[in-house]
Amino acid sequence: MHASPLPVPNAVAARESPGDAPHADAPPLRGQVTLDSAELRRLRQSRLLSQQDLADDCWRRNIRVSVATIKRAESGRAVRFRIAHELARCFGVPVMRLVRATPAA
């Protein structure tokens, strides 16, 4: 038996509200994203973790995020969406809580 793939969030949203285009300021679900560095730092510090401790905790849980990537994200530089998803999983929060919306053009 062949399992059908899970729908991607954009496909789910499209089914829920037919005819509505995604918001222009919605963050991309693939490629590079910029995280809300203050929120990421707040989540990390609320658990009393250094950047290295967070990276170690992620690796112990089989979540592959390096300390260099955490530093990059907390400095406001773009990371892959996969990293945003992995960090959200590590903190147990929805990924969109960490992803900063892009400003409208």
PDB file of N, CA and C in Angstrom:
ATOM      1  N   MET A   1       0.825  -1.173   0.000  1.00  0.00           N
ATOM      2  CA  MET A   1       0.000   0.000   0.000  1.00  0.00           C
ATOM      3  C   MET A   1       0.870   1.236   0.000  1.00  0.00           C
ATOM      4  N   HIS A   2       0.497   2.233  -0.764  1.00  0.00           N
ATOM      5  CA  HIS A   2       1.283   3.443  -0.875  1.00  0.00           C
ATOM      6  C   HIS A   2       0.604   4.570  -0.102  1.00  0.00           C
ATOM      7  N   ALA A   3       1.297   5.129   0.873  1.00  0.00           N
ATOM      8  CA  ALA A   3       0.722   6.214   1.661  1.00  0.00           C
ATOM      9  C   ALA A   3       0.771   7.510   0.872  1.00  0.00           C
ATOM     10  N   SER A   4      -0.274   8.288   0.984  1.00  0.00           N
ATOM     11  CA  SER A   4      -0.272   9.582   0.299  1.00  0.00           C
ATOM     12  C   SER A   4       0.534  10.568   1.129  1.00  0.00           C
ATOM     13  N   PRO A   5       1.235  11.485   0.479  1.00  0.00           N
ATOM     14  CA  PRO A   5       2.055  12.443   1.217  1.00  0.00           C
ATOM     15  C   PRO A   5       1.177  13.408   2.007  1.00  0.00           C
ATOM     16  N   LEU A   6       1.722  13.901   3.119  1.00  0.00           N
ATOM     17  CA  LEU A   6       1.000  14.884   3.909  1.00  0.00           C
ATOM     18  C   LEU A   6       0.916  16.191   3.137  1.00  0.00           C
ATOM     19  N   PRO A   7      -0.187  16.917   3.257  1.00  0.00           N
ATOM     20  CA  PRO A   7      -0.298  18.184   2.538  1.00  0.00           C
ATOM     21  C   PRO A   7       0.647  19.219   3.138  1.00  0.00           C
ATOM     22  N   VAL A   8       1.168  20.096   2.315  1.00  0.00           N
ATOM     23  CA  VAL A   8       1.994  21.188   2.800  1.00  0.00           C
ATOM     24  C   VAL A   8       1.069  22.283   3.297  1.00  0.00           C
ATOM     25  N   PRO A   9       1.507  23.128   4.250  1.00  0.00           N
ATOM     26  CA  PRO A   9       0.630  24.142   4.822  1.00  0.00           C
ATOM     27  C   PRO A   9      -0.066  25.030   3.791  1.00  0.00           C
ATOM     28  N   ASN A  10       0.627  25.417   2.729  1.00  0.00           N
ATOM     29  CA  ASN A  10      -0.015  26.270   1.730  1.00  0.00           C
ATOM     30  C   ASN A  10      -1.174  25.548   1.066  1.00  0.00           C
ATOM     31  N   ALA A  11      -1.036  24.262   0.808  1.00  0.00           N
ATOM     32  CA  ALA A  11      -2.110  23.496   0.183  1.00  0.00           C
ATOM     33  C   ALA A  11      -3.296  23.379   1.128  1.00  0.00           C
ATOM     34  N   VAL A  12      -3.022  23.196   2.406  1.00  0.00           N
ATOM     35  CA  VAL A  12      -4.096  23.115   3.389  1.00  0.00           C
ATOM     36  C   VAL A  12      -4.830  24.441   3.453  1.00  0.00           C
ATOM     37  N   ALA A  13      -4.093  25.544   3.521  1.00  0.00           N
ATOM     38  CA  ALA A  13      -4.715  26.866   3.580  1.00  0.00           C
ATOM     39  C   ALA A  13      -5.542  27.135   2.332  1.00  0.00           C
ATOM     40  N   ALA A  14      -5.055  26.698   1.187  1.00  0.00           N
ATOM     41  CA  ALA A  14      -5.783  26.922  -0.060  1.00  0.00           C
ATOM     42  C   ALA A  14      -7.109  26.177  -0.049  1.00  0.00           C
ATOM     43  N   ARG A  15      -7.143  24.984   0.525  1.00  0.00           N
ATOM     44  CA  ARG A  15      -8.396  24.228   0.596  1.00  0.00           C
ATOM     45  C   ARG A  15      -9.363  24.853   1.585  1.00  0.00           C
ATOM     46  N   GLU A  16      -8.844  25.436   2.660  1.00  0.00           N
ATOM     47  CA  GLU A  16      -9.709  26.013   3.680  1.00  0.00           C
ATOM     48  C   GLU A  16     -10.349  27.312   3.230  1.00  0.00           C
ATOM     49  N   SER A  17      -9.667  28.064   2.394  1.00  0.00           N
ATOM     50  CA  SER A  17     -10.214  29.335   1.929  1.00  0.00           C
ATOM     51  C   SER A  17      -9.977  29.463   0.433  1.00  0.00           C
ATOM     52  N   PRO A  18     -10.803  28.786  -0.383  1.00  0.00           N
ATOM     53  CA  PRO A  18     -10.583  28.805  -1.824  1.00  0.00           C
ATOM     54  C   PRO A  18     -10.658  30.220  -2.378  1.00  0.00           C
ATOM     55  N   GLY A  19      -9.769  30.491  -3.307  1.00  0.00           N
ATOM     56  CA  GLY A  19      -9.765  31.791  -3.962  1.00  0.00           C
ATOM     57  C   GLY A  19      -8.946  32.845  -3.250  1.00  0.00           C
ATOM     58  N   ASP A  20      -8.583  32.602  -2.001  1.00  0.00           N
ATOM     59  CA  ASP A  20      -7.776  33.576  -1.276  1.00  0.00           C
ATOM     60  C   ASP A  20      -6.307  33.333  -1.566  1.00  0.00           C
ATOM     61  N   ALA A  21      -5.613  34.372  -1.961  1.00  0.00           N
ATOM     62  CA  ALA A  21      -4.172  34.269  -2.197  1.00  0.00           C
ATOM     63  C   ALA A  21      -3.464  34.354  -0.851  1.00  0.00           C
ATOM     64  N   PRO A  22      -2.289  33.740  -0.708  1.00  0.00           N
ATOM     65  CA  PRO A  22      -1.534  33.876   0.540  1.00  0.00           C
ATOM     66  C   PRO A  22      -1.187  35.340   0.779  1.00  0.00           C
ATOM     67  N   HIS A  23      -1.104  35.710   2.044  1.00  0.00           N
ATOM     68  CA  HIS A  23      -0.750  37.080   2.386  1.00  0.00           C
ATOM     69  C   HIS A  23       0.642  37.413   1.876  1.00  0.00           C
ATOM     70  N   ALA A  24       0.803  38.645   1.421  1.00  0.00           N
ATOM     71  CA  ALA A  24       2.097  39.078   0.888  1.00  0.00           C
ATOM     72  C   ALA A  24       3.175  39.050   1.965  1.00  0.00           C
ATOM     73  N   ASP A  25       2.776  39.245   3.236  1.00  0.00           N
ATOM     74  CA  ASP A  25       3.775  39.279   4.303  1.00  0.00           C
ATOM     75  C   ASP A  25       3.968  37.920   4.975  1.00  0.00           C
ATOM     76  N   ALA A  26       3.335  36.879   4.453  1.00  0.00           N
ATOM     77  CA  ALA A  26       3.510  35.541   5.019  1.00  0.00           C
ATOM     78  C   ALA A  26       4.908  35.031   4.705  1.00  0.00           C
ATOM     79  N   PRO A  27       5.587  34.447   5.692  1.00  0.00           N
ATOM     80  CA  PRO A  27       6.935  33.932   5.443  1.00  0.00           C
ATOM     81  C   PRO A  27       6.894  32.725   4.521  1.00  0.00           C
ATOM     82  N   PRO A  28       7.946  32.506   3.772  1.00  0.00           N
ATOM     83  CA  PRO A  28       7.981  31.349   2.875  1.00  0.00           C
ATOM     84  C   PRO A  28       8.063  30.053   3.672  1.00  0.00           C
ATOM     85  N   LEU A  29       7.569  28.975   3.092  1.00  0.00           N
ATOM     86  CA  LEU A  29       7.602  27.686   3.773  1.00  0.00           C
ATOM     87  C   LEU A  29       8.760  26.824   3.303  1.00  0.00           C
ATOM     88  N   ARG A  30       9.546  27.322   2.386  1.00  0.00           N
ATOM     89  CA  ARG A  30      10.734  26.619   1.896  1.00  0.00           C
ATOM     90  C   ARG A  30      11.840  27.664   1.701  1.00  0.00           C
ATOM     91  N   GLY A  31      13.057  27.189   1.540  1.00  0.00           N
ATOM     92  CA  GLY A  31      14.159  28.114   1.282  1.00  0.00           C
ATOM     93  C   GLY A  31      14.626  28.802   2.555  1.00  0.00           C
ATOM     94  N   GLN A  32      15.008  30.058   2.423  1.00  0.00           N
ATOM     95  CA  GLN A  32      15.580  30.822   3.531  1.00  0.00           C
ATOM     96  C   GLN A  32      14.519  31.663   4.236  1.00  0.00           C
ATOM     97  N   VAL A  33      14.597  31.727   5.552  1.00  0.00           N
ATOM     98  CA  VAL A  33      13.711  32.569   6.352  1.00  0.00           C
ATOM     99  C   VAL A  33      14.548  33.284   7.403  1.00  0.00           C
ATOM    100  N   THR A  34      14.021  34.375   7.897  1.00  0.00           N
ATOM    101  CA  THR A  34      14.644  35.079   9.006  1.00  0.00           C
ATOM    102  C   THR A  34      13.789  34.825  10.234  1.00  0.00           C
ATOM    103  N   LEU A  35      14.430  34.422  11.302  1.00  0.00           N
ATOM    104  CA  LEU A  35      13.693  34.131  12.525  1.00  0.00           C
ATOM    105  C   LEU A  35      13.544  35.388  13.369  1.00  0.00           C
ATOM    106  N   ASP A  36      12.561  35.376  14.231  1.00  0.00           N
ATOM    107  CA  ASP A  36      12.383  36.442  15.212  1.00  0.00           C
ATOM    108  C   ASP A  36      13.474  36.208  16.258  1.00  0.00           C
ATOM    109  N   SER A  37      14.578  36.910  16.100  1.00  0.00           N
ATOM    110  CA  SER A  37      15.750  36.636  16.939  1.00  0.00           C
ATOM    111  C   SER A  37      15.465  36.891  18.414  1.00  0.00           C
ATOM    112  N   ALA A  38      14.660  37.904  18.722  1.00  0.00           N
ATOM    113  CA  ALA A  38      14.336  38.186  20.124  1.00  0.00           C
ATOM    114  C   ALA A  38      13.520  37.046  20.729  1.00  0.00           C
ATOM    115  N   GLU A  39      12.576  36.504  19.964  1.00  0.00           N
ATOM    116  CA  GLU A  39      11.758  35.387  20.463  1.00  0.00           C
ATOM    117  C   GLU A  39      12.609  34.132  20.642  1.00  0.00           C
ATOM    118  N   LEU A  40      13.480  33.867  19.685  1.00  0.00           N
ATOM    119  CA  LEU A  40      14.367  32.709  19.788  1.00  0.00           C
ATOM    120  C   LEU A  40      15.248  32.830  21.031  1.00  0.00           C
ATOM    121  N   ARG A  41      15.828  34.002  21.228  1.00  0.00           N
ATOM    122  CA  ARG A  41      16.692  34.240  22.393  1.00  0.00           C
ATOM    123  C   ARG A  41      15.880  34.110  23.688  1.00  0.00           C
ATOM    124  N   ARG A  42      14.654  34.667  23.699  1.00  0.00           N
ATOM    125  CA  ARG A  42      13.805  34.602  24.885  1.00  0.00           C
ATOM    126  C   ARG A  42      13.473  33.147  25.244  1.00  0.00           C
ATOM    127  N   LEU A  43      13.117  32.350  24.236  1.00  0.00           N
ATOM    128  CA  LEU A  43      12.815  30.935  24.478  1.00  0.00           C
ATOM    129  C   LEU A  43      14.035  30.206  25.035  1.00  0.00           C
ATOM    130  N   ARG A  44      15.194  30.474  24.446  1.00  0.00           N
ATOM    131  CA  ARG A  44      16.425  29.810  24.896  1.00  0.00           C
ATOM    132  C   ARG A  44      16.756  30.209  26.329  1.00  0.00           C
ATOM    133  N   GLN A  45      16.713  31.517  26.609  1.00  0.00           N
ATOM    134  CA  GLN A  45      17.084  31.998  27.936  1.00  0.00           C
ATOM    135  C   GLN A  45      16.064  31.604  29.002  1.00  0.00           C
ATOM    136  N   SER A  46      14.792  31.468  28.611  1.00  0.00           N
ATOM    137  CA  SER A  46      13.770  31.051  29.585  1.00  0.00           C
ATOM    138  C   SER A  46      14.028  29.625  30.072  1.00  0.00           C
ATOM    139  N   ARG A  47      14.779  28.873  29.300  1.00  0.00           N
ATOM    140  CA  ARG A  47      15.155  27.510  29.692  1.00  0.00           C
ATOM    141  C   ARG A  47      16.561  27.468  30.295  1.00  0.00           C
ATOM    142  N   LEU A  48      17.118  28.667  30.509  1.00  0.00           N
ATOM    143  CA  LEU A  48      18.450  28.820  31.105  1.00  0.00           C
ATOM    144  C   LEU A  48      19.521  28.089  30.310  1.00  0.00           C
ATOM    145  N   LEU A  49      19.430  28.177  28.981  1.00  0.00           N
ATOM    146  CA  LEU A  49      20.383  27.508  28.100  1.00  0.00           C
ATOM    147  C   LEU A  49      21.286  28.519  27.411  1.00  0.00           C
ATOM    148  N   SER A  50      22.564  28.188  27.332  1.00  0.00           N
ATOM    149  CA  SER A  50      23.463  28.954  26.464  1.00  0.00           C
ATOM    150  C   SER A  50      23.200  28.489  25.032  1.00  0.00           C
ATOM    151  N   GLN A  51      23.777  29.177  24.072  1.00  0.00           N
ATOM    152  CA  GLN A  51      23.630  28.739  22.683  1.00  0.00           C
ATOM    153  C   GLN A  51      24.210  27.335  22.510  1.00  0.00           C
ATOM    154  N   GLN A  52      25.349  27.070  23.133  1.00  0.00           N
ATOM    155  CA  GLN A  52      25.961  25.735  23.057  1.00  0.00           C
ATOM    156  C   GLN A  52      25.069  24.685  23.717  1.00  0.00           C
ATOM    157  N   ASP A  53      24.492  25.031  24.878  1.00  0.00           N
ATOM    158  CA  ASP A  53      23.592  24.091  25.559  1.00  0.00           C
ATOM    159  C   ASP A  53      22.390  23.748  24.688  1.00  0.00           C
ATOM    160  N   LEU A  54      21.841  24.755  24.002  1.00  0.00           N
ATOM    161  CA  LEU A  54      20.698  24.511  23.123  1.00  0.00           C
ATOM    162  C   LEU A  54      21.090  23.577  21.987  1.00  0.00           C
ATOM    163  N   ALA A  55      22.239  23.837  21.374  1.00  0.00           N
ATOM    164  CA  ALA A  55      22.709  22.968  20.287  1.00  0.00           C
ATOM    165  C   ALA A  55      22.905  21.539  20.799  1.00  0.00           C
ATOM    166  N   ASP A  56      23.511  21.396  21.976  1.00  0.00           N
ATOM    167  CA  ASP A  56      23.724  20.064  22.557  1.00  0.00           C
ATOM    168  C   ASP A  56      22.393  19.370  22.842  1.00  0.00           C
ATOM    169  N   ASP A  57      21.436  20.127  23.385  1.00  0.00           N
ATOM    170  CA  ASP A  57      20.117  19.564  23.680  1.00  0.00           C
ATOM    171  C   ASP A  57      19.426  19.104  22.399  1.00  0.00           C
ATOM    172  N   CYS A  58      19.523  19.921  21.358  1.00  0.00           N
ATOM    173  CA  CYS A  58      18.940  19.538  20.064  1.00  0.00           C
ATOM    174  C   CYS A  58      19.567  18.236  19.569  1.00  0.00           C
ATOM    175  N   TRP A  59      20.891  18.148  19.587  1.00  0.00           N
ATOM    176  CA  TRP A  59      21.575  16.951  19.084  1.00  0.00           C
ATOM    177  C   TRP A  59      21.210  15.710  19.891  1.00  0.00           C
ATOM    178  N   ARG A  60      21.058  15.873  21.218  1.00  0.00           N
ATOM    179  CA  ARG A  60      20.656  14.731  22.056  1.00  0.00           C
ATOM    180  C   ARG A  60      19.281  14.209  21.647  1.00  0.00           C
ATOM    181  N   ARG A  61      18.420  15.107  21.145  1.00  0.00           N
ATOM    182  CA  ARG A  61      17.077  14.714  20.724  1.00  0.00           C
ATOM    183  C   ARG A  61      17.014  14.406  19.238  1.00  0.00           C
ATOM    184  N   ASN A  62      18.183  14.231  18.628  1.00  0.00           N
ATOM    185  CA  ASN A  62      18.280  13.905  17.203  1.00  0.00           C
ATOM    186  C   ASN A  62      17.729  15.018  16.315  1.00  0.00           C
ATOM    187  N   ILE A  63      17.894  16.267  16.782  1.00  0.00           N
ATOM    188  CA  ILE A  63      17.515  17.453  16.015  1.00  0.00           C
ATOM    189  C   ILE A  63      18.822  18.123  15.618  1.00  0.00           C
ATOM    190  N   ARG A  64      19.113  18.136  14.347  1.00  0.00           N
ATOM    191  CA  ARG A  64      20.425  18.557  13.862  1.00  0.00           C
ATOM    192  C   ARG A  64      20.516  20.066  13.627  1.00  0.00           C
ATOM    193  N   VAL A  65      20.846  20.791  14.713  1.00  0.00           N
ATOM    194  CA  VAL A  65      21.046  22.236  14.651  1.00  0.00           C
ATOM    195  C   VAL A  65      22.356  22.539  15.373  1.00  0.00           C
ATOM    196  N   SER A  66      23.281  23.186  14.683  1.00  0.00           N
ATOM    197  CA  SER A  66      24.592  23.480  15.272  1.00  0.00           C
ATOM    198  C   SER A  66      24.569  24.796  16.039  1.00  0.00           C
ATOM    199  N   VAL A  67      25.569  24.983  16.889  1.00  0.00           N
ATOM    200  CA  VAL A  67      25.691  26.237  17.627  1.00  0.00           C
ATOM    201  C   VAL A  67      25.921  27.400  16.659  1.00  0.00           C
ATOM    202  N   ALA A  68      26.647  27.179  15.577  1.00  0.00           N
ATOM    203  CA  ALA A  68      26.869  28.244  14.583  1.00  0.00           C
ATOM    204  C   ALA A  68      25.546  28.684  13.960  1.00  0.00           C
ATOM    205  N   THR A  69      24.663  27.737  13.710  1.00  0.00           N
ATOM    206  CA  THR A  69      23.356  28.063  13.135  1.00  0.00           C
ATOM    207  C   THR A  69      22.505  28.829  14.139  1.00  0.00           C
ATOM    208  N   ILE A  70      22.561  28.451  15.395  1.00  0.00           N
ATOM    209  CA  ILE A  70      21.818  29.171  16.435  1.00  0.00           C
ATOM    210  C   ILE A  70      22.328  30.600  16.536  1.00  0.00           C
ATOM    211  N   LYS A  71      23.643  30.780  16.504  1.00  0.00           N
ATOM    212  CA  LYS A  71      24.217  32.131  16.542  1.00  0.00           C
ATOM    213  C   LYS A  71      23.770  32.946  15.336  1.00  0.00           C
ATOM    214  N   ARG A  72      23.762  32.316  14.169  1.00  0.00           N
ATOM    215  CA  ARG A  72      23.332  32.997  12.945  1.00  0.00           C
ATOM    216  C   ARG A  72      21.865  33.427  13.065  1.00  0.00           C
ATOM    217  N   ALA A  73      21.018  32.541  13.540  1.00  0.00           N
ATOM    218  CA  ALA A  73      19.591  32.852  13.679  1.00  0.00           C
ATOM    219  C   ALA A  73      19.359  33.967  14.694  1.00  0.00           C
ATOM    220  N   GLU A  74      20.083  33.925  15.808  1.00  0.00           N
ATOM    221  CA  GLU A  74      19.908  34.948  16.841  1.00  0.00           C
ATOM    222  C   GLU A  74      20.494  36.294  16.434  1.00  0.00           C
ATOM    223  N   SER A  75      21.348  36.307  15.432  1.00  0.00           N
ATOM    224  CA  SER A  75      21.898  37.586  14.968  1.00  0.00           C
ATOM    225  C   SER A  75      21.047  38.185  13.848  1.00  0.00           C
ATOM    226  N   GLY A  76      19.942  37.511  13.505  1.00  0.00           N
ATOM    227  CA  GLY A  76      19.028  38.053  12.503  1.00  0.00           C
ATOM    228  C   GLY A  76      19.358  37.681  11.076  1.00  0.00           C
ATOM    229  N   ARG A  77      20.310  36.769  10.887  1.00  0.00           N
ATOM    230  CA  ARG A  77      20.647  36.328   9.532  1.00  0.00           C
ATOM    231  C   ARG A  77      19.753  35.171   9.124  1.00  0.00           C
ATOM    232  N   ALA A  78      19.531  35.032   7.837  1.00  0.00           N
ATOM    233  CA  ALA A  78      18.616  34.013   7.311  1.00  0.00           C
ATOM    234  C   ALA A  78      19.148  32.605   7.561  1.00  0.00           C
ATOM    235  N   VAL A  79      18.211  31.698   7.791  1.00  0.00           N
ATOM    236  CA  VAL A  79      18.511  30.271   7.927  1.00  0.00           C
ATOM    237  C   VAL A  79      17.522  29.511   7.048  1.00  0.00           C
ATOM    238  N   ARG A  80      17.797  28.259   6.808  1.00  0.00           N
ATOM    239  CA  ARG A  80      16.865  27.443   6.026  1.00  0.00           C
ATOM    240  C   ARG A  80      15.587  27.216   6.827  1.00  0.00           C
ATOM    241  N   PHE A  81      14.476  27.075   6.098  1.00  0.00           N
ATOM    242  CA  PHE A  81      13.203  26.830   6.779  1.00  0.00           C
ATOM    243  C   PHE A  81      13.277  25.553   7.615  1.00  0.00           C
ATOM    244  N   ARG A  82      14.038  24.573   7.162  1.00  0.00           N
ATOM    245  CA  ARG A  82      14.196  23.336   7.925  1.00  0.00           C
ATOM    246  C   ARG A  82      14.723  23.629   9.330  1.00  0.00           C
ATOM    247  N   ILE A  83      15.643  24.587   9.432  1.00  0.00           N
ATOM    248  CA  ILE A  83      16.211  24.958  10.730  1.00  0.00           C
ATOM    249  C   ILE A  83      15.131  25.573  11.614  1.00  0.00           C
ATOM    250  N   ALA A  84      14.312  26.447  11.040  1.00  0.00           N
ATOM    251  CA  ALA A  84      13.213  27.052  11.801  1.00  0.00           C
ATOM    252  C   ALA A  84      12.299  25.954  12.342  1.00  0.00           C
ATOM    253  N   HIS A  85      11.994  24.995  11.493  1.00  0.00           N
ATOM    254  CA  HIS A  85      11.127  23.883  11.888  1.00  0.00           C
ATOM    255  C   HIS A  85      11.778  23.062  12.999  1.00  0.00           C
ATOM    256  N   GLU A  86      13.066  22.785  12.870  1.00  0.00           N
ATOM    257  CA  GLU A  86      13.771  21.980  13.876  1.00  0.00           C
ATOM    258  C   GLU A  86      13.849  22.709  15.218  1.00  0.00           C
ATOM    259  N   LEU A  87      14.127  24.017  15.190  1.00  0.00           N
ATOM    260  CA  LEU A  87      14.188  24.779  16.440  1.00  0.00           C
ATOM    261  C   LEU A  87      12.815  24.837  17.107  1.00  0.00           C
ATOM    262  N   ALA A  88      11.781  25.023  16.313  1.00  0.00           N
ATOM    263  CA  ALA A  88      10.421  25.035  16.860  1.00  0.00           C
ATOM    264  C   ALA A  88      10.113  23.692  17.515  1.00  0.00           C
ATOM    265  N   ARG A  89      10.530  22.621  16.863  1.00  0.00           N
ATOM    266  CA  ARG A  89      10.329  21.280  17.416  1.00  0.00           C
ATOM    267  C   ARG A  89      11.087  21.124  18.730  1.00  0.00           C
ATOM    268  N   CYS A  90      12.291  21.644  18.786  1.00  0.00           N
ATOM    269  CA  CYS A  90      13.109  21.555  19.999  1.00  0.00           C
ATOM    270  C   CYS A  90      12.428  22.288  21.164  1.00  0.00           C
ATOM    271  N   PHE A  91      11.825  23.454  20.869  1.00  0.00           N
ATOM    272  CA  PHE A  91      11.157  24.236  21.914  1.00  0.00           C
ATOM    273  C   PHE A  91       9.709  23.808  22.143  1.00  0.00           C
ATOM    274  N   GLY A  92       9.171  22.990  21.243  1.00  0.00           N
ATOM    275  CA  GLY A  92       7.781  22.573  21.385  1.00  0.00           C
ATOM    276  C   GLY A  92       6.787  23.683  21.088  1.00  0.00           C
ATOM    277  N   VAL A  93       7.137  24.545  20.127  1.00  0.00           N
ATOM    278  CA  VAL A  93       6.253  25.653  19.742  1.00  0.00           C
ATOM    279  C   VAL A  93       5.954  25.560  18.251  1.00  0.00           C
ATOM    280  N   PRO A  94       4.881  26.209  17.789  1.00  0.00           N
ATOM    281  CA  PRO A  94       4.612  26.237  16.348  1.00  0.00           C
ATOM    282  C   PRO A  94       5.730  26.980  15.616  1.00  0.00           C
ATOM    283  N   VAL A  95       6.095  26.510  14.455  1.00  0.00           N
ATOM    284  CA  VAL A  95       7.195  27.114  13.705  1.00  0.00           C
ATOM    285  C   VAL A  95       6.925  28.588  13.403  1.00  0.00           C
ATOM    286  N   MET A  96       5.677  28.940  13.175  1.00  0.00           N
ATOM    287  CA  MET A  96       5.380  30.328  12.827  1.00  0.00           C
ATOM    288  C   MET A  96       5.616  31.278  14.004  1.00  0.00           C
ATOM    289  N   ARG A  97       5.747  30.751  15.198  1.00  0.00           N
ATOM    290  CA  ARG A  97       6.096  31.595  16.347  1.00  0.00           C
ATOM    291  C   ARG A  97       7.535  32.098  16.224  1.00  0.00           C
ATOM    292  N   LEU A  98       8.372  31.337  15.550  1.00  0.00           N
ATOM    293  CA  LEU A  98       9.781  31.708  15.406  1.00  0.00           C
ATOM    294  C   LEU A  98      10.089  32.474  14.128  1.00  0.00           C
ATOM    295  N   VAL A  99       9.282  32.281  13.087  1.00  0.00           N
ATOM    296  CA  VAL A  99       9.574  32.890  11.788  1.00  0.00           C
ATOM    297  C   VAL A  99       9.051  34.310  11.768  1.00  0.00           C
ATOM    298  N   ARG A 100       9.939  35.234  11.425  1.00  0.00           N
ATOM    299  CA  ARG A 100       9.552  36.641  11.338  1.00  0.00           C
ATOM    300  C   ARG A 100       8.858  36.882  10.010  1.00  0.00           C
ATOM    301  N   ALA A 101       7.710  37.527  10.049  1.00  0.00           N
ATOM    302  CA  ALA A 101       7.000  37.866   8.811  1.00  0.00           C
ATOM    303  C   ALA A 101       7.833  38.870   8.030  1.00  0.00           C
ATOM    304  N   THR A 102       7.853  38.715   6.723  1.00  0.00           N
ATOM    305  CA  THR A 102       8.597  39.649   5.887  1.00  0.00           C
ATOM    306  C   THR A 102       7.786  40.921   5.729  1.00  0.00           C
ATOM    307  N   PRO A 103       8.427  42.084   5.745  1.00  0.00           N
ATOM    308  CA  PRO A 103       7.688  43.340   5.601  1.00  0.00           C
ATOM    309  C   PRO A 103       7.057  43.448   4.216  1.00  0.00           C
ATOM    310  N   ALA A 104       5.899  44.086   4.155  1.00  0.00           N
ATOM    311  CA  ALA A 104       5.220  44.283   2.869  1.00  0.00           C
ATOM    312  C   ALA A 104       6.054  45.181   1.977  1.00  0.00           C
ATOM    313  N   ALA A 105       6.037  44.890   0.680  1.00  0.00           N
ATOM    314  CA  ALA A 105       6.849  45.664  -0.266  1.00  0.00           C
ATOM    315  C   ALA A 105       6.219  46.989  -0.587  1.00  0.00           C
TER     316      ALA A 105
END
